[in-house]
Amino acid sequence: MNLSNIERLEEKINHIVQQMQTLKERNRELEQRNIEFSSMLEDRNRLIQANEAEIDHLKQQMQNSLQFQEQEERIKQKITQMLSKLDQLESMV
């Protein structure tokens, strides 16, 4: 091998080494971004779970409120019926 070929080979090797270093650095950057995105995804998932729990809680409260309103309406109807019967009894006396 003559000196010219050795120099070209050395240049190619240096170029490849530089490319590998560049790729390693890019890989480190991408790994860091991946870690950041994973953290953001975990935060988003926790927020979604918290929102779903809050929605479930609000649905239960709404269901309880509807049941209470239904019971209140039945009680009012019974009271109205009892007052009507009481009026009938009073009118008989």
PDB file of N, CA and C in Angstrom:
ATOM      1  N   MET A   1       0.846  -1.175   0.000  1.00  0.00           N
ATOM      2  CA  MET A   1       0.000   0.000   0.000  1.00  0.00           C
ATOM      3  C   MET A   1       0.894   1.242   0.000  1.00  0.00           C
ATOM      4  N   ASN A   2       0.582   2.131  -0.873  1.00  0.00           N
ATOM      5  CA  ASN A   2       1.406   3.339  -0.882  1.00  0.00           C
ATOM      6  C   ASN A   2       0.829   4.363   0.083  1.00  0.00           C
ATOM      7  N   LEU A   3       1.547   5.416   0.273  1.00  0.00           N
ATOM      8  CA  LEU A   3       1.179   6.445   1.252  1.00  0.00           C
ATOM      9  C   LEU A   3      -0.144   7.105   0.906  1.00  0.00           C
ATOM     10  N   SER A   4      -0.402   7.303  -0.336  1.00  0.00           N
ATOM     11  CA  SER A   4      -1.643   7.933  -0.772  1.00  0.00           C
ATOM     12  C   SER A   4      -2.852   7.087  -0.384  1.00  0.00           C
ATOM     13  N   ASN A   5      -2.774   5.803  -0.595  1.00  0.00           N
ATOM     14  CA  ASN A   5      -3.874   4.908  -0.214  1.00  0.00           C
ATOM     15  C   ASN A   5      -4.066   4.877   1.294  1.00  0.00           C
ATOM     16  N   ILE A   6      -2.983   4.876   2.011  1.00  0.00           N
ATOM     17  CA  ILE A   6      -3.062   4.875   3.479  1.00  0.00           C
ATOM     18  C   ILE A   6      -3.720   6.167   3.957  1.00  0.00           C
ATOM     19  N   GLU A   7      -3.360   7.271   3.372  1.00  0.00           N
ATOM     20  CA  GLU A   7      -3.949   8.560   3.769  1.00  0.00           C
ATOM     21  C   GLU A   7      -5.442   8.595   3.455  1.00  0.00           C
ATOM     22  N   ARG A   8      -5.825   8.086   2.296  1.00  0.00           N
ATOM     23  CA  ARG A   8      -7.258   8.046   1.951  1.00  0.00           C
ATOM     24  C   ARG A   8      -8.013   7.127   2.902  1.00  0.00           C
ATOM     25  N   LEU A   9      -7.427   5.998   3.217  1.00  0.00           N
ATOM     26  CA  LEU A   9      -8.048   5.069   4.161  1.00  0.00           C
ATOM     27  C   LEU A   9      -8.188   5.725   5.530  1.00  0.00           C
ATOM     28  N   GLU A  10      -7.146   6.423   5.936  1.00  0.00           N
ATOM     29  CA  GLU A  10      -7.185   7.123   7.223  1.00  0.00           C
ATOM     30  C   GLU A  10      -8.279   8.194   7.221  1.00  0.00           C
ATOM     31  N   GLU A  11      -8.412   8.915   6.137  1.00  0.00           N
ATOM     32  CA  GLU A  11      -9.464   9.931   6.029  1.00  0.00           C
ATOM     33  C   GLU A  11     -10.847   9.293   6.108  1.00  0.00           C
ATOM     34  N   LYS A  12     -11.002   8.177   5.419  1.00  0.00           N
ATOM     35  CA  LYS A  12     -12.290   7.479   5.463  1.00  0.00           C
ATOM     36  C   LYS A  12     -12.595   6.987   6.869  1.00  0.00           C
ATOM     37  N   ILE A  13     -11.596   6.442   7.517  1.00  0.00           N
ATOM     38  CA  ILE A  13     -11.791   5.963   8.896  1.00  0.00           C
ATOM     39  C   ILE A  13     -12.146   7.132   9.804  1.00  0.00           C
ATOM     40  N   ASN A  14     -11.435   8.237   9.663  1.00  0.00           N
ATOM     41  CA  ASN A  14     -11.733   9.421  10.482  1.00  0.00           C
ATOM     42  C   ASN A  14     -13.148   9.930  10.211  1.00  0.00           C
ATOM     43  N   HIS A  15     -13.532   9.900   8.952  1.00  0.00           N
ATOM     44  CA  HIS A  15     -14.885  10.333   8.595  1.00  0.00           C
ATOM     45  C   HIS A  15     -15.926   9.405   9.231  1.00  0.00           C
ATOM     46  N   ILE A  16     -15.681   8.113   9.167  1.00  0.00           N
ATOM     47  CA  ILE A  16     -16.610   7.141   9.770  1.00  0.00           C
ATOM     48  C   ILE A  16     -16.668   7.330  11.278  1.00  0.00           C
ATOM     49  N   VAL A  17     -15.519   7.533  11.906  1.00  0.00           N
ATOM     50  CA  VAL A  17     -15.478   7.767  13.357  1.00  0.00           C
ATOM     51  C   VAL A  17     -16.277   9.023  13.700  1.00  0.00           C
ATOM     52  N   GLN A  18     -16.119  10.074  12.910  1.00  0.00           N
ATOM     53  CA  GLN A  18     -16.868  11.309  13.146  1.00  0.00           C
ATOM     54  C   GLN A  18     -18.364  11.072  12.993  1.00  0.00           C
ATOM     55  N   GLN A  19     -18.752  10.335  11.970  1.00  0.00           N
ATOM     56  CA  GLN A  19     -20.168  10.017  11.776  1.00  0.00           C
ATOM     57  C   GLN A  19     -20.708   9.207  12.952  1.00  0.00           C
ATOM     58  N   MET A  20     -19.919   8.259  13.428  1.00  0.00           N
ATOM     59  CA  MET A  20     -20.358   7.446  14.573  1.00  0.00           C
ATOM     60  C   MET A  20     -20.531   8.316  15.809  1.00  0.00           C
ATOM     61  N   GLN A  21     -19.604   9.247  16.025  1.00  0.00           N
ATOM     62  CA  GLN A  21     -19.727  10.145  17.177  1.00  0.00           C
ATOM     63  C   GLN A  21     -20.968  11.023  17.043  1.00  0.00           C
ATOM     64  N   THR A  22     -21.211  11.503  15.838  1.00  0.00           N
ATOM     65  CA  THR A  22     -22.404  12.313  15.588  1.00  0.00           C
ATOM     66  C   THR A  22     -23.665  11.494  15.847  1.00  0.00           C
ATOM     67  N   LEU A  23     -23.669  10.256  15.370  1.00  0.00           N
ATOM     68  CA  LEU A  23     -24.835   9.389  15.579  1.00  0.00           C
ATOM     69  C   LEU A  23     -25.024   9.048  17.055  1.00  0.00           C
ATOM     70  N   LYS A  24     -23.937   8.831  17.770  1.00  0.00           N
ATOM     71  CA  LYS A  24     -24.039   8.551  19.210  1.00  0.00           C
ATOM     72  C   LYS A  24     -24.634   9.748  19.945  1.00  0.00           C
ATOM     73  N   GLU A  25     -24.174  10.948  19.581  1.00  0.00           N
ATOM     74  CA  GLU A  25     -24.709  12.159  20.213  1.00  0.00           C
ATOM     75  C   GLU A  25     -26.192  12.321  19.890  1.00  0.00           C
ATOM     76  N   ARG A  26     -26.536  12.094  18.653  1.00  0.00           N
ATOM     77  CA  ARG A  26     -27.951  12.186  18.255  1.00  0.00           C
ATOM     78  C   ARG A  26     -28.775  11.150  19.003  1.00  0.00           C
ATOM     79  N   ASN A  27     -28.222   9.960  19.167  1.00  0.00           N
ATOM     80  CA  ASN A  27     -28.907   8.901  19.904  1.00  0.00           C
ATOM     81  C   ASN A  27     -29.134   9.309  21.358  1.00  0.00           C
ATOM     82  N   ARG A  28     -28.116   9.927  21.978  1.00  0.00           N
ATOM     83  CA  ARG A  28     -28.275  10.401  23.364  1.00  0.00           C
ATOM     84  C   ARG A  28     -29.377  11.455  23.445  1.00  0.00           C
ATOM     85  N   GLU A  29     -29.397  12.363  22.469  1.00  0.00           N
ATOM     86  CA  GLU A  29     -30.443  13.395  22.445  1.00  0.00           C
ATOM     87  C   GLU A  29     -31.827  12.764  22.306  1.00  0.00           C
ATOM     88  N   LEU A  30     -31.932  11.793  21.419  1.00  0.00           N
ATOM     89  CA  LEU A  30     -33.223  11.128  21.215  1.00  0.00           C
ATOM     90  C   LEU A  30     -33.643  10.335  22.448  1.00  0.00           C
ATOM     91  N   GLU A  31     -32.688   9.697  23.103  1.00  0.00           N
ATOM     92  CA  GLU A  31     -33.011   8.972  24.338  1.00  0.00           C
ATOM     93  C   GLU A  31     -33.519   9.932  25.406  1.00  0.00           C
ATOM     94  N   GLN A  32     -32.891  11.109  25.507  1.00  0.00           N
ATOM     95  CA  GLN A  32     -33.331  12.106  26.480  1.00  0.00           C
ATOM     96  C   GLN A  32     -34.737  12.593  26.147  1.00  0.00           C
ATOM     97  N   ARG A  33     -34.989  12.850  24.884  1.00  0.00           N
ATOM     98  CA  ARG A  33     -36.338  13.277  24.476  1.00  0.00           C
ATOM     99  C   ARG A  33     -37.354  12.179  24.752  1.00  0.00           C
ATOM    100  N   ASN A  34     -36.951  10.934  24.544  1.00  0.00           N
ATOM    101  CA  ASN A  34     -37.834   9.808  24.823  1.00  0.00           C
ATOM    102  C   ASN A  34     -38.188   9.757  26.311  1.00  0.00           C
ATOM    103  N   ILE A  35     -37.186   9.990  27.158  1.00  0.00           N
ATOM    104  CA  ILE A  35     -37.434  10.025  28.607  1.00  0.00           C
ATOM    105  C   ILE A  35     -38.410  11.153  28.940  1.00  0.00           C
ATOM    106  N   GLU A  36     -38.190  12.323  28.343  1.00  0.00           N
ATOM    107  CA  GLU A  36     -39.072  13.465  28.598  1.00  0.00           C
ATOM    108  C   GLU A  36     -40.492  13.178  28.125  1.00  0.00           C
ATOM    109  N   PHE A  37     -40.614  12.594  26.933  1.00  0.00           N
ATOM    110  CA  PHE A  37     -41.948  12.281  26.415  1.00  0.00           C
ATOM    111  C   PHE A  37     -42.625  11.205  27.255  1.00  0.00           C
ATOM    112  N   SER A  38     -41.860  10.244  27.727  1.00  0.00           N
ATOM    113  CA  SER A  38     -42.434   9.201  28.591  1.00  0.00           C
ATOM    114  C   SER A  38     -42.965   9.810  29.878  1.00  0.00           C
ATOM    115  N   SER A  39     -42.212  10.747  30.421  1.00  0.00           N
ATOM    116  CA  SER A  39     -42.651  11.433  31.637  1.00  0.00           C
ATOM    117  C   SER A  39     -43.925  12.233  31.373  1.00  0.00           C
ATOM    118  N   MET A  40     -43.962  12.920  30.234  1.00  0.00           N
ATOM    119  CA  MET A  40     -45.163  13.678  29.878  1.00  0.00           C
ATOM    120  C   MET A  40     -46.355  12.744  29.694  1.00  0.00           C
ATOM    121  N   LEU A  41     -46.118  11.594  29.093  1.00  0.00           N
ATOM    122  CA  LEU A  41     -47.185  10.618  28.881  1.00  0.00           C
ATOM    123  C   LEU A  41     -47.704  10.087  30.218  1.00  0.00           C
ATOM    124  N   GLU A  42     -46.790   9.804  31.143  1.00  0.00           N
ATOM    125  CA  GLU A  42     -47.211   9.349  32.472  1.00  0.00           C
ATOM    126  C   GLU A  42     -48.041  10.423  33.172  1.00  0.00           C
ATOM    127  N   ASP A  43     -47.605  11.680  33.077  1.00  0.00           N
ATOM    128  CA  ASP A  43     -48.367  12.784  33.678  1.00  0.00           C
ATOM    129  C   ASP A  43     -49.759  12.874  33.062  1.00  0.00           C
ATOM    130  N   ARG A  44     -49.825  12.756  31.745  1.00  0.00           N
ATOM    131  CA  ARG A  44     -51.113  12.823  31.050  1.00  0.00           C
ATOM    132  C   ARG A  44     -52.010  11.669  31.479  1.00  0.00           C
ATOM    133  N   ASN A  45     -51.444  10.483  31.603  1.00  0.00           N
ATOM    134  CA  ASN A  45     -52.240   9.326  32.021  1.00  0.00           C
ATOM    135  C   ASN A  45     -52.757   9.490  33.448  1.00  0.00           C
ATOM    136  N   ARG A  46     -51.903  10.047  34.332  1.00  0.00           N
ATOM    137  CA  ARG A  46     -52.366  10.302  35.708  1.00  0.00           C
ATOM    138  C   ARG A  46     -53.506  11.318  35.704  1.00  0.00           C
ATOM    139  N   LEU A  47     -53.389  12.339  34.878  1.00  0.00           N
ATOM    140  CA  LEU A  47     -54.437  13.355  34.782  1.00  0.00           C
ATOM    141  C   LEU A  47     -55.728  12.749  34.245  1.00  0.00           C
ATOM    142  N   ILE A  48     -55.615  11.895  33.249  1.00  0.00           N
ATOM    143  CA  ILE A  48     -56.799  11.221  32.698  1.00  0.00           C
ATOM    144  C   ILE A  48     -57.456  10.364  33.770  1.00  0.00           C
ATOM    145  N   GLN A  49     -56.660   9.611  34.520  1.00  0.00           N
ATOM    146  CA  GLN A  49     -57.222   8.763  35.574  1.00  0.00           C
ATOM    147  C   GLN A  49     -57.910   9.606  36.642  1.00  0.00           C
ATOM    148  N   ALA A  50     -57.291  10.718  37.001  1.00  0.00           N
ATOM    149  CA  ALA A  50     -57.900  11.599  38.002  1.00  0.00           C
ATOM    150  C   ALA A  50     -59.212  12.176  37.470  1.00  0.00           C
ATOM    151  N   ASN A  51     -59.223  12.567  36.208  1.00  0.00           N
ATOM    152  CA  ASN A  51     -60.451  13.105  35.609  1.00  0.00           C
ATOM    153  C   ASN A  51     -61.538  12.039  35.530  1.00  0.00           C
ATOM    154  N   GLU A  52     -61.156  10.819  35.173  1.00  0.00           N
ATOM    155  CA  GLU A  52     -62.139   9.737  35.112  1.00  0.00           C
ATOM    156  C   GLU A  52     -62.713   9.450  36.498  1.00  0.00           C
ATOM    157  N   ALA A  53     -61.859   9.478  37.520  1.00  0.00           N
ATOM    158  CA  ALA A  53     -62.336   9.266  38.886  1.00  0.00           C
ATOM    159  C   ALA A  53     -63.295  10.385  39.292  1.00  0.00           C
ATOM    160  N   GLU A  54     -62.967  11.619  38.933  1.00  0.00           N
ATOM    161  CA  GLU A  54     -63.837  12.757  39.250  1.00  0.00           C
ATOM    162  C   GLU A  54     -65.171  12.634  38.515  1.00  0.00           C
ATOM    163  N   ILE A  55     -65.124  12.210  37.254  1.00  0.00           N
ATOM    164  CA  ILE A  55     -66.359  12.012  36.488  1.00  0.00           C
ATOM    165  C   ILE A  55     -67.217  10.939  37.145  1.00  0.00           C
ATOM    166  N   ASP A  56     -66.602   9.825  37.549  1.00  0.00           N
ATOM    167  CA  ASP A  56     -67.348   8.761  38.226  1.00  0.00           C
ATOM    168  C   ASP A  56     -67.976   9.273  39.518  1.00  0.00           C
ATOM    169  N   HIS A  57     -67.210  10.067  40.267  1.00  0.00           N
ATOM    170  CA  HIS A  57     -67.720  10.630  41.519  1.00  0.00           C
ATOM    171  C   HIS A  57     -68.910  11.556  41.243  1.00  0.00           C
ATOM    172  N   LEU A  58     -68.792  12.399  40.225  1.00  0.00           N
ATOM    173  CA  LEU A  58     -69.885  13.314  39.883  1.00  0.00           C
ATOM    174  C   LEU A  58     -71.115  12.558  39.390  1.00  0.00           C
ATOM    175  N   LYS A  59     -70.890  11.485  38.629  1.00  0.00           N
ATOM    176  CA  LYS A  59     -72.019  10.660  38.179  1.00  0.00           C
ATOM    177  C   LYS A  59     -72.739  10.054  39.376  1.00  0.00           C
ATOM    178  N   GLN A  60     -71.970   9.571  40.354  1.00  0.00           N
ATOM    179  CA  GLN A  60     -72.583   8.984  41.548  1.00  0.00           C
ATOM    180  C   GLN A  60     -73.359  10.043  42.322  1.00  0.00           C
ATOM    181  N   GLN A  61     -72.782  11.233  42.445  1.00  0.00           N
ATOM    182  CA  GLN A  61     -73.490  12.319  43.133  1.00  0.00           C
ATOM    183  C   GLN A  61     -74.780  12.674  42.402  1.00  0.00           C
ATOM    184  N   MET A  62     -74.720  12.709  41.079  1.00  0.00           N
ATOM    185  CA  MET A  62     -75.910  13.025  40.298  1.00  0.00           C
ATOM    186  C   MET A  62     -76.965  11.937  40.486  1.00  0.00           C
ATOM    187  N   GLN A  63     -76.544  10.682  40.485  1.00  0.00           N
ATOM    188  CA  GLN A  63     -77.477   9.576  40.698  1.00  0.00           C
ATOM    189  C   GLN A  63     -78.108   9.674  42.088  1.00  0.00           C
ATOM    190  N   ASN A  64     -77.285   9.973  43.090  1.00  0.00           N
ATOM    191  CA  ASN A  64     -77.805  10.134  44.450  1.00  0.00           C
ATOM    192  C   ASN A  64     -78.802  11.287  44.518  1.00  0.00           C
ATOM    193  N   SER A  65     -78.486  12.375  43.834  1.00  0.00           N
ATOM    194  CA  SER A  65     -79.378  13.533  43.824  1.00  0.00           C
ATOM    195  C   SER A  65     -80.710  13.187  43.162  1.00  0.00           C
ATOM    196  N   LEU A  66     -80.651  12.453  42.049  1.00  0.00           N
ATOM    197  CA  LEU A  66     -81.890  12.044  41.375  1.00  0.00           C
ATOM    198  C   LEU A  66     -82.725  11.131  42.272  1.00  0.00           C
ATOM    199  N   GLN A  67     -82.068  10.205  42.946  1.00  0.00           N
ATOM    200  CA  GLN A  67     -82.794   9.314  43.860  1.00  0.00           C
ATOM    201  C   GLN A  67     -83.428  10.114  44.993  1.00  0.00           C
ATOM    202  N   PHE A  68     -82.685  11.088  45.513  1.00  0.00           N
ATOM    203  CA  PHE A  68     -83.219  11.923  46.577  1.00  0.00           C
ATOM    204  C   PHE A  68     -84.436  12.705  46.079  1.00  0.00           C
ATOM    205  N   GLN A  69     -84.350  13.250  44.869  1.00  0.00           N
ATOM    206  CA  GLN A  69     -85.475  14.001  44.307  1.00  0.00           C
ATOM    207  C   GLN A  69     -86.693  13.101  44.114  1.00  0.00           C
ATOM    208  N   GLU A  70     -86.460  11.871  43.661  1.00  0.00           N
ATOM    209  CA  GLU A  70     -87.569  10.930  43.484  1.00  0.00           C
ATOM    210  C   GLU A  70     -88.212  10.598  44.829  1.00  0.00           C
ATOM    211  N   GLN A  71     -87.384  10.369  45.847  1.00  0.00           N
ATOM    212  CA  GLN A  71     -87.926  10.082  47.179  1.00  0.00           C
ATOM    213  C   GLN A  71     -88.683  11.291  47.715  1.00  0.00           C
ATOM    214  N   GLU A  72     -88.117  12.467  47.509  1.00  0.00           N
ATOM    215  CA  GLU A  72     -88.775  13.685  47.971  1.00  0.00           C
ATOM    216  C   GLU A  72     -90.135  13.848  47.290  1.00  0.00           C
ATOM    217  N   GLU A  73     -90.213  13.561  45.999  1.00  0.00           N
ATOM    218  CA  GLU A  73     -91.475  13.669  45.262  1.00  0.00           C
ATOM    219  C   GLU A  73     -92.494  12.661  45.789  1.00  0.00           C
ATOM    220  N   ARG A  74     -92.044  11.424  46.057  1.00  0.00           N
ATOM    221  CA  ARG A  74     -92.973  10.416  46.608  1.00  0.00           C
ATOM    222  C   ARG A  74     -93.485  10.831  47.985  1.00  0.00           C
ATOM    223  N   ILE A  75     -92.607  11.395  48.792  1.00  0.00           N
ATOM    224  CA  ILE A  75     -93.017  11.848  50.128  1.00  0.00           C
ATOM    225  C   ILE A  75     -94.031  12.983  50.004  1.00  0.00           C
ATOM    226  N   LYS A  76     -93.786  13.919  49.101  1.00  0.00           N
ATOM    227  CA  LYS A  76     -94.725  15.026  48.892  1.00  0.00           C
ATOM    228  C   LYS A  76     -96.086  14.504  48.439  1.00  0.00           C
ATOM    229  N   GLN A  77     -96.082  13.510  47.552  1.00  0.00           N
ATOM    230  CA  GLN A  77     -97.340  12.928  47.090  1.00  0.00           C
ATOM    231  C   GLN A  77     -98.080  12.255  48.249  1.00  0.00           C
ATOM    232  N   LYS A  78     -97.353  11.534  49.080  1.00  0.00           N
ATOM    233  CA  LYS A  78     -97.990  10.873  50.226  1.00  0.00           C
ATOM    234  C   LYS A  78     -98.547  11.901  51.200  1.00  0.00           C
ATOM    235  N   ILE A  79     -97.786  12.968  51.426  1.00  0.00           N
ATOM    236  CA  ILE A  79     -98.269  14.015  52.333  1.00  0.00           C
ATOM    237  C   ILE A  79     -99.527  14.654  51.761  1.00  0.00           C
ATOM    238  N   THR A  80     -99.526  14.911  50.460  1.00  0.00           N
ATOM    239  CA  THR A  80    -100.706  15.486  49.807  1.00  0.00           C
ATOM    240  C   THR A  80    -101.900  14.550  49.952  1.00  0.00           C
ATOM    241  N   GLN A  81    -101.683  13.262  49.745  1.00  0.00           N
ATOM    242  CA  GLN A  81    -102.758  12.279  49.903  1.00  0.00           C
ATOM    243  C   GLN A  81    -103.259  12.252  51.342  1.00  0.00           C
ATOM    244  N   MET A  82    -102.338  12.277  52.290  1.00  0.00           N
ATOM    245  CA  MET A  82    -102.741  12.246  53.700  1.00  0.00           C
ATOM    246  C   MET A  82    -103.515  13.507  54.072  1.00  0.00           C
ATOM    247  N   LEU A  83    -103.061  14.661  53.576  1.00  0.00           N
ATOM    248  CA  LEU A  83    -103.783  15.900  53.859  1.00  0.00           C
ATOM    249  C   LEU A  83    -105.174  15.876  53.236  1.00  0.00           C
ATOM    250  N   SER A  84    -105.275  15.314  52.066  1.00  0.00           N
ATOM    251  CA  SER A  84    -106.578  15.192  51.409  1.00  0.00           C
ATOM    252  C   SER A  84    -107.500  14.304  52.234  1.00  0.00           C
ATOM    253  N   LYS A  85    -106.982  13.188  52.707  1.00  0.00           N
ATOM    254  CA  LYS A  85    -107.788  12.291  53.539  1.00  0.00           C
ATOM    255  C   LYS A  85    -108.163  12.971  54.845  1.00  0.00           C
ATOM    256  N   LEU A  86    -107.234  13.724  55.404  1.00  0.00           N
ATOM    257  CA  LEU A  86    -107.521  14.442  56.642  1.00  0.00           C
ATOM    258  C   LEU A  86    -108.623  15.476  56.412  1.00  0.00           C
ATOM    259  N   ASP A  87    -108.562  16.167  55.273  1.00  0.00           N
ATOM    260  CA  ASP A  87    -109.619  17.126  54.928  1.00  0.00           C
ATOM    261  C   ASP A  87    -110.961  16.418  54.796  1.00  0.00           C
ATOM    262  N   GLN A  88    -110.956  15.246  54.186  1.00  0.00           N
ATOM    263  CA  GLN A  88    -112.193  14.476  54.036  1.00  0.00           C
ATOM    264  C   GLN A  88    -112.738  14.078  55.404  1.00  0.00           C
ATOM    265  N   LEU A  89    -111.848  13.637  56.284  1.00  0.00           N
ATOM    266  CA  LEU A  89    -112.282  13.246  57.622  1.00  0.00           C
ATOM    267  C   LEU A  89    -112.838  14.445  58.389  1.00  0.00           C
ATOM    268  N   GLU A  90    -112.177  15.591  58.261  1.00  0.00           N
ATOM    269  CA  GLU A  90    -112.643  16.791  58.955  1.00  0.00           C
ATOM    270  C   GLU A  90    -114.006  17.231  58.425  1.00  0.00           C
ATOM    271  N   SER A  91    -114.200  17.066  57.138  1.00  0.00           N
ATOM    272  CA  SER A  91    -115.483  17.476  56.570  1.00  0.00           C
ATOM    273  C   SER A  91    -116.601  16.534  57.008  1.00  0.00           C
ATOM    274  N   MET A  92    -116.268  15.324  57.363  1.00  0.00           N
ATOM    275  CA  MET A  92    -117.269  14.363  57.825  1.00  0.00           C
ATOM    276  C   MET A  92    -117.689  14.669  59.258  1.00  0.00           C
ATOM    277  N   VAL A  93    -116.813  15.292  59.976  1.00  0.00           N
ATOM    278  CA  VAL A  93    -117.104  15.533  61.377  1.00  0.00           C
ATOM    279  C   VAL A  93    -117.927  16.744  61.569  1.00  0.00           C
TER     280      VAL A  93
END
